[in-house]
PDB file of N, CA and C in Angstrom:
ATOM      1  N   ASN A   1       6.822  27.808  -4.159  1.00  0.00           N
ATOM      2  CA  ASN A   1       5.568  27.488  -4.839  1.00  0.00           C
ATOM      3  C   ASN A   1       5.837  26.278  -5.650  1.00  0.00           C
ATOM      4  N   GLU A   2       6.834  26.292  -6.693  1.00  0.00           N
ATOM      5  CA  GLU A   2       7.343  25.547  -7.594  1.00  0.00           C
ATOM      6  C   GLU A   2       7.764  24.108  -6.923  1.00  0.00           C
ATOM      7  N   ASP A   3       8.532  24.588  -5.739  1.00  0.00           N
ATOM      8  CA  ASP A   3       8.888  23.063  -4.916  1.00  0.00           C
ATOM      9  C   ASP A   3       7.661  22.410  -4.652  1.00  0.00           C
ATOM     10  N   LEU A   4       6.570  23.097  -4.198  1.00  0.00           N
ATOM     11  CA  LEU A   4       5.414  21.990  -3.390  1.00  0.00           C
ATOM     12  C   LEU A   4       4.757  21.621  -4.489  1.00  0.00           C
ATOM     13  N   LYS A   5       4.612  22.764  -5.863  1.00  0.00           N
ATOM     14  CA  LYS A   5       3.756  21.531  -7.047  1.00  0.00           C
ATOM     15  C   LYS A   5       4.582  20.508  -7.302  1.00  0.00           C
ATOM     16  N   LEU A   6       6.034  20.655  -7.488  1.00  0.00           N
ATOM     17  CA  LEU A   6       6.617  19.252  -8.005  1.00  0.00           C
ATOM     18  C   LEU A   6       6.345  18.474  -7.133  1.00  0.00           C
ATOM     19  N   SER A   7       6.653  18.526  -5.501  1.00  0.00           N
ATOM     20  CA  SER A   7       6.307  17.844  -4.420  1.00  0.00           C
ATOM     21  C   SER A   7       5.351  17.027  -4.559  1.00  0.00           C
ATOM     22  N   LEU A   8       3.789  17.389  -4.823  1.00  0.00           N
ATOM     23  CA  LEU A   8       2.757  17.082  -4.792  1.00  0.00           C
ATOM     24  C   LEU A   8       2.409  16.504  -6.033  1.00  0.00           C
ATOM     25  N   LEU A   9       2.944  16.727  -7.202  1.00  0.00           N
ATOM     26  CA  LEU A   9       2.827  16.121  -8.441  1.00  0.00           C
ATOM     27  C   LEU A   9       3.844  14.411  -8.196  1.00  0.00           C
ATOM     28  N   ILE A  10       4.656  14.733  -7.585  1.00  0.00           N
ATOM     29  CA  ILE A  10       5.735  13.384  -7.334  1.00  0.00           C
ATOM     30  C   ILE A  10       4.686  12.326  -6.179  1.00  0.00           C
ATOM     31  N   SER A  11       4.219  13.143  -5.201  1.00  0.00           N
ATOM     32  CA  SER A  11       3.322  12.124  -4.389  1.00  0.00           C
ATOM     33  C   SER A  11       2.226  11.765  -4.917  1.00  0.00           C
ATOM     34  N   LEU A  12       1.873  12.730  -6.098  1.00  0.00           N
ATOM     35  CA  LEU A  12       0.367  11.795  -6.775  1.00  0.00           C
ATOM     36  C   LEU A  12       0.776  10.749  -7.675  1.00  0.00           C
ATOM     37  N   VAL A  13       1.937  11.153  -8.013  1.00  0.00           N
ATOM     38  CA  VAL A  13       2.343   9.927  -9.222  1.00  0.00           C
ATOM     39  C   VAL A  13       2.819   8.558  -8.581  1.00  0.00           C
ATOM     40  N   GLY A  14       3.427   8.713  -7.706  1.00  0.00           N
ATOM     41  CA  GLY A  14       3.788   7.663  -6.555  1.00  0.00           C
ATOM     42  C   GLY A  14       2.921   7.178  -5.819  1.00  0.00           C
ATOM     43  N   GLY A  15       1.862   7.868  -5.594  1.00  0.00           N
ATOM     44  CA  GLY A  15       0.947   7.430  -4.655  1.00  0.00           C
ATOM     45  C   GLY A  15       0.158   6.522  -6.017  1.00  0.00           C
ATOM     46  N   THR A  16      -0.104   6.765  -6.828  1.00  0.00           N
ATOM     47  CA  THR A  16      -0.848   6.703  -7.929  1.00  0.00           C
ATOM     48  C   THR A  16       0.033   4.941  -8.366  1.00  0.00           C
ATOM     49  N   LEU A  17       1.008   5.019  -8.752  1.00  0.00           N
ATOM     50  CA  LEU A  17       1.754   3.788  -9.137  1.00  0.00           C
ATOM     51  C   LEU A  17       1.628   2.737  -7.739  1.00  0.00           C
ATOM     52  N   GLY A  18       2.196   3.331  -6.786  1.00  0.00           N
ATOM     53  CA  GLY A  18       2.095   2.425  -5.391  1.00  0.00           C
ATOM     54  C   GLY A  18       0.541   1.827  -5.468  1.00  0.00           C
ATOM     55  N   GLY A  19      -0.316   2.447  -5.275  1.00  0.00           N
ATOM     56  CA  GLY A  19      -1.753   1.833  -4.787  1.00  0.00           C
ATOM     57  C   GLY A  19      -2.227   1.062  -6.266  1.00  0.00           C
ATOM     58  N   ILE A  20      -1.740   1.109  -7.365  1.00  0.00           N
ATOM     59  CA  ILE A  20      -1.801  -0.144  -8.686  1.00  0.00           C
ATOM     60  C   ILE A  20      -1.097  -1.042  -8.382  1.00  0.00           C
ATOM     61  N   GLY A  21       0.416  -1.103  -8.013  1.00  0.00           N
ATOM     62  CA  GLY A  21       1.106  -2.035  -7.403  1.00  0.00           C
ATOM     63  C   GLY A  21       0.509  -2.954  -6.160  1.00  0.00           C
ATOM     64  N   ALA A  22       0.353  -2.112  -5.268  1.00  0.00           N
ATOM     65  CA  ALA A  22      -0.525  -2.975  -3.957  1.00  0.00           C
ATOM     66  C   ALA A  22      -1.986  -3.435  -4.709  1.00  0.00           C
ATOM     67  N   ALA A  23      -2.525  -3.155  -5.809  1.00  0.00           N
ATOM     68  CA  ALA A  23      -3.726  -3.767  -5.683  1.00  0.00           C
ATOM     69  C   ALA A  23      -3.399  -4.970  -6.275  1.00  0.00           C
ATOM     70  N   ILE A  24      -2.701  -4.993  -7.726  1.00  0.00           N
ATOM     71  CA  ILE A  24      -2.083  -6.343  -8.186  1.00  0.00           C
ATOM     72  C   ILE A  24      -1.764  -7.363  -7.277  1.00  0.00           C
ATOM     73  N   MET A  25      -0.741  -6.639  -6.309  1.00  0.00           N
ATOM     74  CA  MET A  25      -0.373  -7.738  -5.483  1.00  0.00           C
ATOM     75  C   MET A  25      -0.967  -8.341  -4.791  1.00  0.00           C
ATOM     76  N   SER A  26      -1.821  -7.788  -4.148  1.00  0.00           N
ATOM     77  CA  SER A  26      -3.026  -8.344  -2.982  1.00  0.00           C
ATOM     78  C   SER A  26      -4.267  -8.782  -3.536  1.00  0.00           C
ATOM     79  N   ASN A  27      -4.589  -8.858  -4.751  1.00  0.00           N
ATOM     80  CA  ASN A  27      -5.859  -9.013  -5.512  1.00  0.00           C
ATOM     81  C   ASN A  27      -6.370 -10.620  -5.189  1.00  0.00           C
ATOM     82  N   PRO A  28      -4.947 -11.670  -5.958  1.00  0.00           N
ATOM     83  CA  PRO A  28      -5.256 -12.774  -5.547  1.00  0.00           C
ATOM     84  C   PRO A  28      -5.399 -13.572  -3.930  1.00  0.00           C
ATOM     85  N   ALA A  29      -4.990 -12.827  -3.006  1.00  0.00           N
ATOM     86  CA  ALA A  29      -4.787 -13.012  -1.862  1.00  0.00           C
ATOM     87  C   ALA A  29      -6.199 -12.716  -1.289  1.00  0.00           C
ATOM     88  N   ASP A  30      -6.759 -11.901  -1.750  1.00  0.00           N
ATOM     89  CA  ASP A  30      -8.132 -11.267  -1.349  1.00  0.00           C
ATOM     90  C   ASP A  30      -9.323 -12.067  -2.005  1.00  0.00           C
ATOM     91  N   ALA A  31      -8.992 -12.551  -3.281  1.00  0.00           N
ATOM     92  CA  ALA A  31      -9.773 -13.300  -3.843  1.00  0.00           C
ATOM     93  C   ALA A  31      -9.987 -14.641  -3.319  1.00  0.00           C
ATOM     94  N   THR A  32      -9.022 -15.285  -2.970  1.00  0.00           N
ATOM     95  CA  THR A  32      -8.589 -16.610  -1.806  1.00  0.00           C
ATOM     96  C   THR A  32      -9.330 -16.419  -0.717  1.00  0.00           C
ATOM     97  N   ILE A  33      -9.544 -15.507  -0.201  1.00  0.00           N
ATOM     98  CA  ILE A  33      -9.819 -15.014   1.146  1.00  0.00           C
ATOM     99  C   ILE A  33     -11.266 -15.321   1.109  1.00  0.00           C
ATOM    100  N   SER A  34     -11.887 -14.335   0.241  1.00  0.00           N
ATOM    101  CA  SER A  34     -13.080 -14.606  -0.121  1.00  0.00           C
ATOM    102  C   SER A  34     -13.689 -15.876  -0.392  1.00  0.00           C
ATOM    103  N   GLU A  35     -12.891 -16.659  -0.935  1.00  0.00           N
ATOM    104  CA  GLU A  35     -13.683 -17.976  -1.789  1.00  0.00           C
ATOM    105  C   GLU A  35     -13.477 -18.858  -0.090  1.00  0.00           C
ATOM    106  N   MET A  36     -12.230 -18.540   0.682  1.00  0.00           N
ATOM    107  CA  MET A  36     -12.365 -19.665   1.702  1.00  0.00           C
ATOM    108  C   MET A  36     -13.643 -19.049   2.890  1.00  0.00           C
ATOM    109  N   LYS A  37     -14.264 -18.049   2.827  1.00  0.00           N
ATOM    110  CA  LYS A  37     -15.087 -17.464   3.364  1.00  0.00           C
ATOM    111  C   LYS A  37     -16.517 -18.067   2.947  1.00  0.00           C
ATOM    112  N   LYS A  38     -16.752 -18.015   1.488  1.00  0.00           N
ATOM    113  CA  LYS A  38     -17.857 -18.144   0.905  1.00  0.00           C
ATOM    114  C   LYS A  38     -18.003 -19.797   0.858  1.00  0.00           C
ATOM    115  N   SER A  39     -17.036 -20.747   1.216  1.00  0.00           N
ATOM    116  CA  SER A  39     -16.651 -21.910   1.039  1.00  0.00           C
ATOM    117  C   SER A  39     -17.477 -22.483   2.097  1.00  0.00           C
ATOM    118  N   LYS A  40     -18.640 -23.830   2.092  1.00  0.00           N
ATOM    119  CA  LYS A  40     -19.020 -24.534   2.781  1.00  0.00           C
ATOM    120  C   LYS A  40     -18.121 -24.904   4.103  1.00  0.00           C
ATOM    121  N   SER A  41     -17.188 -25.654   3.599  1.00  0.00           N
ATOM    122  CA  SER A  41     -16.559 -26.252   4.134  1.00  0.00           C
ATOM    123  C   SER A  41     -15.433 -25.741   4.741  1.00  0.00           C
ATOM    124  N   ASP A  42     -14.759 -26.621   5.572  1.00  0.00           N
ATOM    125  CA  ASP A  42     -13.023 -25.116   6.507  1.00  0.00           C
ATOM    126  C   ASP A  42     -11.995 -25.838   5.358  1.00  0.00           C
ATOM    127  N   VAL A  43     -12.240 -24.995   4.014  1.00  0.00           N
ATOM    128  CA  VAL A  43     -11.012 -25.262   3.229  1.00  0.00           C
ATOM    129  C   VAL A  43     -10.164 -24.167   3.870  1.00  0.00           C
ATOM    130  N   GLY A  44      -8.700 -24.536   3.130  1.00  0.00           N
ATOM    131  CA  GLY A  44      -7.292 -24.037   3.761  1.00  0.00           C
ATOM    132  C   GLY A  44      -7.354 -22.630   2.552  1.00  0.00           C
ATOM    133  N   ALA A  45      -6.370 -21.900   2.372  1.00  0.00           N
ATOM    134  CA  ALA A  45      -5.696 -20.940   1.791  1.00  0.00           C
ATOM    135  C   ALA A  45      -5.648 -21.576   0.201  1.00  0.00           C
ATOM    136  N   TRP A  46      -4.612 -22.452   0.365  1.00  0.00           N
ATOM    137  CA  TRP A  46      -4.248 -23.428  -0.717  1.00  0.00           C
ATOM    138  C   TRP A  46      -5.456 -23.792  -1.535  1.00  0.00           C
ATOM    139  N   GLY A  47      -6.235 -24.699  -1.121  1.00  0.00           N
ATOM    140  CA  GLY A  47      -7.467 -25.200  -1.321  1.00  0.00           C
ATOM    141  C   GLY A  47      -8.674 -24.216  -1.808  1.00  0.00           C
ATOM    142  N   ALA A  48      -8.760 -23.370  -1.024  1.00  0.00           N
ATOM    143  CA  ALA A  48      -9.325 -22.113  -1.841  1.00  0.00           C
ATOM    144  C   ALA A  48      -8.844 -21.748  -3.507  1.00  0.00           C
ATOM    145  N   ALA A  49      -7.619 -21.333  -3.331  1.00  0.00           N
ATOM    146  CA  ALA A  49      -6.774 -20.970  -4.710  1.00  0.00           C
ATOM    147  C   ALA A  49      -6.896 -22.188  -5.615  1.00  0.00           C
ATOM    148  N   GLN A  50      -6.580 -22.854  -5.564  1.00  0.00           N
ATOM    149  CA  GLN A  50      -6.748 -24.190  -6.316  1.00  0.00           C
ATOM    150  C   GLN A  50      -8.154 -24.091  -6.388  1.00  0.00           C
ATOM    151  N   ALA A  51      -9.362 -24.256  -5.708  1.00  0.00           N
ATOM    152  CA  ALA A  51     -10.497 -23.991  -6.054  1.00  0.00           C
ATOM    153  C   ALA A  51     -10.965 -22.963  -7.276  1.00  0.00           C
ATOM    154  N   LEU A  52     -10.248 -21.840  -6.787  1.00  0.00           N
ATOM    155  CA  LEU A  52     -10.829 -20.617  -7.926  1.00  0.00           C
ATOM    156  C   LEU A  52      -9.884 -20.953  -9.460  1.00  0.00           C
ATOM    157  N   LEU A  53      -8.654 -21.486  -9.539  1.00  0.00           N
ATOM    158  CA  LEU A  53      -7.918 -21.800 -10.375  1.00  0.00           C
ATOM    159  C   LEU A  53      -8.867 -22.879 -11.234  1.00  0.00           C
ATOM    160  N   GLU A  54      -9.127 -24.103 -10.815  1.00  0.00           N
ATOM    161  CA  GLU A  54     -10.114 -25.260 -11.351  1.00  0.00           C
ATOM    162  C   GLU A  54     -11.127 -24.635 -12.053  1.00  0.00           C
ATOM    163  N   ARG A  55     -11.785 -23.529 -11.348  1.00  0.00           N
ATOM    164  CA  ARG A  55     -13.436 -23.018 -11.910  1.00  0.00           C
ATOM    165  C   ARG A  55     -12.974 -21.975 -12.656  1.00  0.00           C
ATOM    166  N   GLY A  56     -11.830 -20.834 -12.637  1.00  0.00           N
ATOM    167  CA  GLY A  56     -12.229 -19.967 -13.860  1.00  0.00           C
ATOM    168  C   GLY A  56     -10.943 -19.725 -14.315  1.00  0.00           C
ATOM    169  N   GLY A  57      -9.690 -20.261 -13.660  1.00  0.00           N
ATOM    170  CA  GLY A  57      -8.276 -20.088 -14.163  1.00  0.00           C
ATOM    171  C   GLY A  57      -7.583 -18.818 -13.607  1.00  0.00           C
ATOM    172  N   LEU A  58      -6.688 -18.435 -13.922  1.00  0.00           N
ATOM    173  CA  LEU A  58      -6.332 -16.857 -13.941  1.00  0.00           C
ATOM    174  C   LEU A  58      -7.026 -15.896 -13.746  1.00  0.00           C
ATOM    175  N   PRO A  59      -7.979 -15.653 -14.544  1.00  0.00           N
ATOM    176  CA  PRO A  59      -8.199 -14.549 -14.549  1.00  0.00           C
ATOM    177  C   PRO A  59      -9.253 -14.085 -13.215  1.00  0.00           C
ATOM    178  N   LEU A  60      -9.733 -15.635 -13.124  1.00  0.00           N
ATOM    179  CA  LEU A  60     -10.745 -15.769 -11.364  1.00  0.00           C
ATOM    180  C   LEU A  60     -10.329 -14.882 -10.288  1.00  0.00           C
ATOM    181  N   LEU A  61      -8.877 -15.125 -10.450  1.00  0.00           N
ATOM    182  CA  LEU A  61      -8.031 -14.493  -9.077  1.00  0.00           C
ATOM    183  C   LEU A  61      -8.052 -13.235  -9.019  1.00  0.00           C
ATOM    184  N   PHE A  62      -7.978 -12.067 -10.571  1.00  0.00           N
ATOM    185  CA  PHE A  62      -7.857 -11.034 -10.620  1.00  0.00           C
ATOM    186  C   PHE A  62      -8.998 -10.420 -11.352  1.00  0.00           C
ATOM    187  N   ARG A  63     -10.300 -10.715 -10.598  1.00  0.00           N
ATOM    188  CA  ARG A  63     -11.665 -10.165 -10.843  1.00  0.00           C
ATOM    189  C   ARG A  63     -12.069  -8.963 -10.059  1.00  0.00           C
ATOM    190  N   GLY A  64     -12.343  -8.011 -10.218  1.00  0.00           N
ATOM    191  CA  GLY A  64     -12.431  -6.748  -9.397  1.00  0.00           C
ATOM    192  C   GLY A  64     -10.848  -5.795  -9.301  1.00  0.00           C
ATOM    193  N   LEU A  65     -10.320  -6.571 -10.223  1.00  0.00           N
ATOM    194  CA  LEU A  65      -8.766  -5.619  -9.978  1.00  0.00           C
ATOM    195  C   LEU A  65      -8.861  -4.031 -10.546  1.00  0.00           C
ATOM    196  N   GLY A  66      -9.678  -3.781 -11.668  1.00  0.00           N
ATOM    197  CA  GLY A  66      -9.982  -2.495 -12.071  1.00  0.00           C
ATOM    198  C   GLY A  66     -10.381  -1.230 -11.038  1.00  0.00           C
ATOM    199  N   LEU A  67     -11.383  -2.194 -10.337  1.00  0.00           N
ATOM    200  CA  LEU A  67     -12.032  -1.155  -9.369  1.00  0.00           C
ATOM    201  C   LEU A  67     -11.056  -1.077  -8.337  1.00  0.00           C
ATOM    202  N   ARG A  68     -10.404  -1.834  -7.724  1.00  0.00           N
ATOM    203  CA  ARG A  68      -9.039  -2.121  -6.817  1.00  0.00           C
ATOM    204  C   ARG A  68      -8.173  -1.352  -6.873  1.00  0.00           C
ATOM    205  N   MET A  69      -7.702  -1.145  -8.381  1.00  0.00           N
ATOM    206  CA  MET A  69      -6.673  -0.837  -8.381  1.00  0.00           C
ATOM    207  C   MET A  69      -7.114   0.872  -8.685  1.00  0.00           C
ATOM    208  N   PHE A  70      -8.279   1.462  -9.246  1.00  0.00           N
ATOM    209  CA  PHE A  70      -8.806   2.785  -9.132  1.00  0.00           C
ATOM    210  C   PHE A  70      -8.652   3.506  -7.562  1.00  0.00           C
ATOM    211  N   PHE A  71      -9.365   2.178  -6.402  1.00  0.00           N
ATOM    212  CA  PHE A  71      -9.637   2.978  -5.246  1.00  0.00           C
ATOM    213  C   PHE A  71      -7.933   2.895  -4.554  1.00  0.00           C
ATOM    214  N   TYR A  72      -7.511   1.586  -4.775  1.00  0.00           N
ATOM    215  CA  TYR A  72      -5.854   2.192  -3.622  1.00  0.00           C
ATOM    216  C   TYR A  72      -5.242   2.955  -4.372  1.00  0.00           C
ATOM    217  N   ALA A  73      -5.251   3.373  -5.640  1.00  0.00           N
ATOM    218  CA  ALA A  73      -4.452   4.525  -6.293  1.00  0.00           C
ATOM    219  C   ALA A  73      -5.154   5.828  -5.704  1.00  0.00           C
ATOM    220  N   LEU A  74      -6.460   5.990  -5.606  1.00  0.00           N
ATOM    221  CA  LEU A  74      -6.997   6.941  -4.902  1.00  0.00           C
ATOM    222  C   LEU A  74      -6.376   7.219  -3.405  1.00  0.00           C
ATOM    223  N   ILE A  75      -6.610   6.582  -2.618  1.00  0.00           N
ATOM    224  CA  ILE A  75      -6.543   6.224  -1.061  1.00  0.00           C
ATOM    225  C   ILE A  75      -4.962   6.837  -0.794  1.00  0.00           C
ATOM    226  N   VAL A  76      -3.955   5.831  -1.492  1.00  0.00           N
ATOM    227  CA  VAL A  76      -2.506   6.017  -1.396  1.00  0.00           C
ATOM    228  C   VAL A  76      -2.080   7.746  -1.770  1.00  0.00           C
ATOM    229  N   SER A  77      -2.728   7.531  -3.171  1.00  0.00           N
ATOM    230  CA  SER A  77      -2.153   9.232  -3.290  1.00  0.00           C
ATOM    231  C   SER A  77      -2.846  10.481  -2.599  1.00  0.00           C
ATOM    232  N   ILE A  78      -4.031  10.341  -2.240  1.00  0.00           N
ATOM    233  CA  ILE A  78      -4.387  10.968  -1.267  1.00  0.00           C
ATOM    234  C   ILE A  78      -3.447  11.087  -0.044  1.00  0.00           C
ATOM    235  N   GLN A  79      -3.516   9.942   0.663  1.00  0.00           N
ATOM    236  CA  GLN A  79      -2.486   9.838   1.667  1.00  0.00           C
ATOM    237  C   GLN A  79      -0.835  10.299   1.553  1.00  0.00           C
ATOM    238  N   PHE A  80      -0.414  10.285   0.144  1.00  0.00           N
ATOM    239  CA  PHE A  80       0.900  10.753   0.222  1.00  0.00           C
ATOM    240  C   PHE A  80       0.715  12.413  -0.091  1.00  0.00           C
ATOM    241  N   LEU A  81      -0.411  12.535  -0.676  1.00  0.00           N
ATOM    242  CA  LEU A  81      -0.477  14.217  -0.752  1.00  0.00           C
ATOM    243  C   LEU A  81      -0.828  15.172   0.236  1.00  0.00           C
ATOM    244  N   VAL A  82      -1.751  14.929   1.203  1.00  0.00           N
ATOM    245  CA  VAL A  82      -2.043  15.119   2.890  1.00  0.00           C
ATOM    246  C   VAL A  82      -0.551  15.082   3.029  1.00  0.00           C
ATOM    247  N   TYR A  83       0.127  14.180   3.532  1.00  0.00           N
ATOM    248  CA  TYR A  83       1.299  14.319   4.216  1.00  0.00           C
ATOM    249  C   TYR A  83       2.497  15.042   3.448  1.00  0.00           C
ATOM    250  N   ASP A  84       2.427  15.446   2.321  1.00  0.00           N
ATOM    251  CA  ASP A  84       3.246  16.253   1.918  1.00  0.00           C
ATOM    252  C   ASP A  84       3.188  17.753   2.092  1.00  0.00           C
ATOM    253  N   TYR A  85       1.724  17.983   1.789  1.00  0.00           N
ATOM    254  CA  TYR A  85       1.098  19.443   1.980  1.00  0.00           C
ATOM    255  C   TYR A  85       1.601  19.770   3.359  1.00  0.00           C
ATOM    256  N   VAL A  86       1.373  18.896   4.671  1.00  0.00           N
ATOM    257  CA  VAL A  86       1.483  18.739   5.354  1.00  0.00           C
ATOM    258  C   VAL A  86       2.901  19.359   6.194  1.00  0.00           C
ATOM    259  N   ARG A  87       3.597  18.391   5.440  1.00  0.00           N
ATOM    260  CA  ARG A  87       5.225  18.505   5.910  1.00  0.00           C
ATOM    261  C   ARG A  87       5.950  20.065   5.073  1.00  0.00           C
ATOM    262  N   TYR A  88       5.160  20.485   4.082  1.00  0.00           N
ATOM    263  CA  TYR A  88       5.414  21.704   3.309  1.00  0.00           C
ATOM    264  C   TYR A  88       4.754  22.689   4.303  1.00  0.00           C
ATOM    265  N   THR A  89       3.561  22.630   4.663  1.00  0.00           N
ATOM    266  CA  THR A  89       2.978  23.899   5.324  1.00  0.00           C
ATOM    267  C   THR A  89       3.794  23.915   6.809  1.00  0.00           C
ATOM    268  N   LEU A  90       4.497  22.950   7.197  1.00  0.00           N
ATOM    269  CA  LEU A  90       4.954  22.943   8.589  1.00  0.00           C
ATOM    270  C   LEU A  90       6.523  23.108   8.239  1.00  0.00           C
ATOM    271  N   ASN A  91       7.024  23.778   7.206  1.00  0.00           N
ATOM    272  CA  ASN A  91       8.382  23.998   6.847  1.00  0.00           C
ATOM    273  C   ASN A  91       9.532  22.405   7.357  1.00  0.00           C
ATOM    274  N   ILE A  92       8.582  21.617   7.177  1.00  0.00           N
ATOM    275  CA  ILE A  92       9.816  20.161   7.761  1.00  0.00           C
ATOM    276  C   ILE A  92      10.421  19.733   6.010  1.00  0.00           C
ATOM    277  N   GLY A  93      11.886  20.225   6.345  1.00  0.00           N
ATOM    278  CA  GLY A  93      12.460  19.718   5.105  1.00  0.00           C
ATOM    279  C   GLY A  93      13.364  18.104   5.289  1.00  0.00           C
ATOM    280  N   SER A  94      13.648  17.675   4.337  1.00  0.00           N
ATOM    281  CA  SER A  94      14.380  16.475   4.403  1.00  0.00           C
ATOM    282  C   SER A  94      15.439  16.157   5.367  1.00  0.00           C
ATOM    283  N   ASP A  95      16.095  17.271   5.766  1.00  0.00           N
ATOM    284  CA  ASP A  95      17.479  17.368   6.681  1.00  0.00           C
ATOM    285  C   ASP A  95      16.583  17.196   8.267  1.00  0.00           C
ATOM    286  N   ASP A  96      15.059  17.687   8.276  1.00  0.00           N
ATOM    287  CA  ASP A  96      14.875  17.282   9.593  1.00  0.00           C
ATOM    288  C   ASP A  96      14.555  16.193   9.785  1.00  0.00           C
ATOM    289  N   LEU A  97      13.884  15.816   8.626  1.00  0.00           N
ATOM    290  CA  LEU A  97      13.409  14.175   8.848  1.00  0.00           C
ATOM    291  C   LEU A  97      14.565  13.225   9.133  1.00  0.00           C
ATOM    292  N   LYS A  98      15.612  13.781   8.482  1.00  0.00           N
ATOM    293  CA  LYS A  98      16.877  13.114   8.933  1.00  0.00           C
ATOM    294  C   LYS A  98      17.577  13.187   9.519  1.00  0.00           C
ATOM    295  N   MET A  99      17.537  14.123  10.360  1.00  0.00           N
ATOM    296  CA  MET A  99      17.940  14.066  11.781  1.00  0.00           C
ATOM    297  C   MET A  99      16.860  13.703  13.165  1.00  0.00           C
ATOM    298  N   TYR A 100      15.733  13.648  12.548  1.00  0.00           N
ATOM    299  CA  TYR A 100      14.653  13.008  14.060  1.00  0.00           C
ATOM    300  C   TYR A 100      15.196  11.559  13.655  1.00  0.00           C
ATOM    301  N   LEU A 101      15.441  10.645  12.273  1.00  0.00           N
ATOM    302  CA  LEU A 101      15.564   9.450  12.124  1.00  0.00           C
ATOM    303  C   LEU A 101      17.168   8.960  13.065  1.00  0.00           C
ATOM    304  N   ASP A 102      17.598   9.778  12.596  1.00  0.00           N
ATOM    305  CA  ASP A 102      19.160   9.636  13.416  1.00  0.00           C
ATOM    306  C   ASP A 102      18.814   9.669  14.970  1.00  0.00           C
ATOM    307  N   VAL A 103      18.229  10.886  15.172  1.00  0.00           N
ATOM    308  CA  VAL A 103      18.018  10.642  16.826  1.00  0.00           C
ATOM    309  C   VAL A 103      17.505   9.577  17.401  1.00  0.00           C
ATOM    310  N   LEU A 104      16.144   9.322  16.594  1.00  0.00           N
ATOM    311  CA  LEU A 104      15.647   7.912  17.226  1.00  0.00           C
ATOM    312  C   LEU A 104      16.607   7.055  16.685  1.00  0.00           C
ATOM    313  N   GLY A 105      16.731   6.826  15.909  1.00  0.00           N
ATOM    314  CA  GLY A 105      17.466   5.273  15.997  1.00  0.00           C
ATOM    315  C   GLY A 105      18.537   5.134  16.920  1.00  0.00           C
ATOM    316  N   GLY A 106      19.231   6.379  17.296  1.00  0.00           N
ATOM    317  CA  GLY A 106      20.273   6.464  18.538  1.00  0.00           C
ATOM    318  C   GLY A 106      19.594   5.993  19.787  1.00  0.00           C
ATOM    319  N   ALA A 107      18.340   6.599  19.977  1.00  0.00           N
ATOM    320  CA  ALA A 107      17.550   6.280  21.339  1.00  0.00           C
ATOM    321  C   ALA A 107      17.205   5.123  21.583  1.00  0.00           C
ATOM    322  N   LEU A 108      16.996   4.544  20.427  1.00  0.00           N
ATOM    323  CA  LEU A 108      16.620   2.649  20.078  1.00  0.00           C
ATOM    324  C   LEU A 108      17.596   2.047  20.661  1.00  0.00           C
ATOM    325  N   SER A 109      19.045   2.362  19.821  1.00  0.00           N
ATOM    326  CA  SER A 109      20.201   1.471  20.043  1.00  0.00           C
ATOM    327  C   SER A 109      20.372   1.408  21.345  1.00  0.00           C
ATOM    328  N   GLU A 110      20.444   2.608  22.316  1.00  0.00           N
ATOM    329  CA  GLU A 110      20.713   2.812  23.790  1.00  0.00           C
ATOM    330  C   GLU A 110      19.764   2.363  24.684  1.00  0.00           C
ATOM    331  N   THR A 111      18.549   1.976  23.962  1.00  0.00           N
ATOM    332  CA  THR A 111      17.457   1.196  25.072  1.00  0.00           C
ATOM    333  C   THR A 111      17.402  -0.189  24.528  1.00  0.00           C
ATOM    334  N   GLY A 112      18.114  -0.859  23.755  1.00  0.00           N
ATOM    335  CA  GLY A 112      17.945  -2.018  23.392  1.00  0.00           C
ATOM    336  C   GLY A 112      16.753  -2.183  22.339  1.00  0.00           C
ATOM    337  N   GLY A 113      16.556  -1.213  21.845  1.00  0.00           N
ATOM    338  CA  GLY A 113      15.047  -1.276  21.024  1.00  0.00           C
ATOM    339  C   GLY A 113      15.761  -1.879  19.844  1.00  0.00           C
ATOM    340  N   PRO A 114      15.242  -2.463  18.707  1.00  0.00           N
ATOM    341  CA  PRO A 114      15.308  -2.479  17.373  1.00  0.00           C
ATOM    342  C   PRO A 114      16.720  -1.693  16.417  1.00  0.00           C
ATOM    343  N   ALA A 115      17.659  -1.844  15.921  1.00  0.00           N
ATOM    344  CA  ALA A 115      18.859  -1.232  15.750  1.00  0.00           C
ATOM    345  C   ALA A 115      18.220  -1.320  13.975  1.00  0.00           C
TER     346      ALA A 115
END
């Protein structure tokens, strides 16, 4: 029972940090894409990013970041929690996962798949 609680806590913290990191990394690209869609001309990604920087500076690239961090952290944490809960419920340990990956890697190398 303690292992499950610790595993779920680690999943929750890891998902939260991963979601926040993903939001920070993807927000400027999302702002640029939104600017490209709003533009009346056929502006490219670099042109849209420059227009955003000229109009509002760096903070405009991160507009809406707080909400995006909350949403991403929530979604990724839930995914991690569900994965860990199912893995624990089905009694799948890390040794089982390692063996599966070893078998899969061997099968892919025999068939010419990615090594």
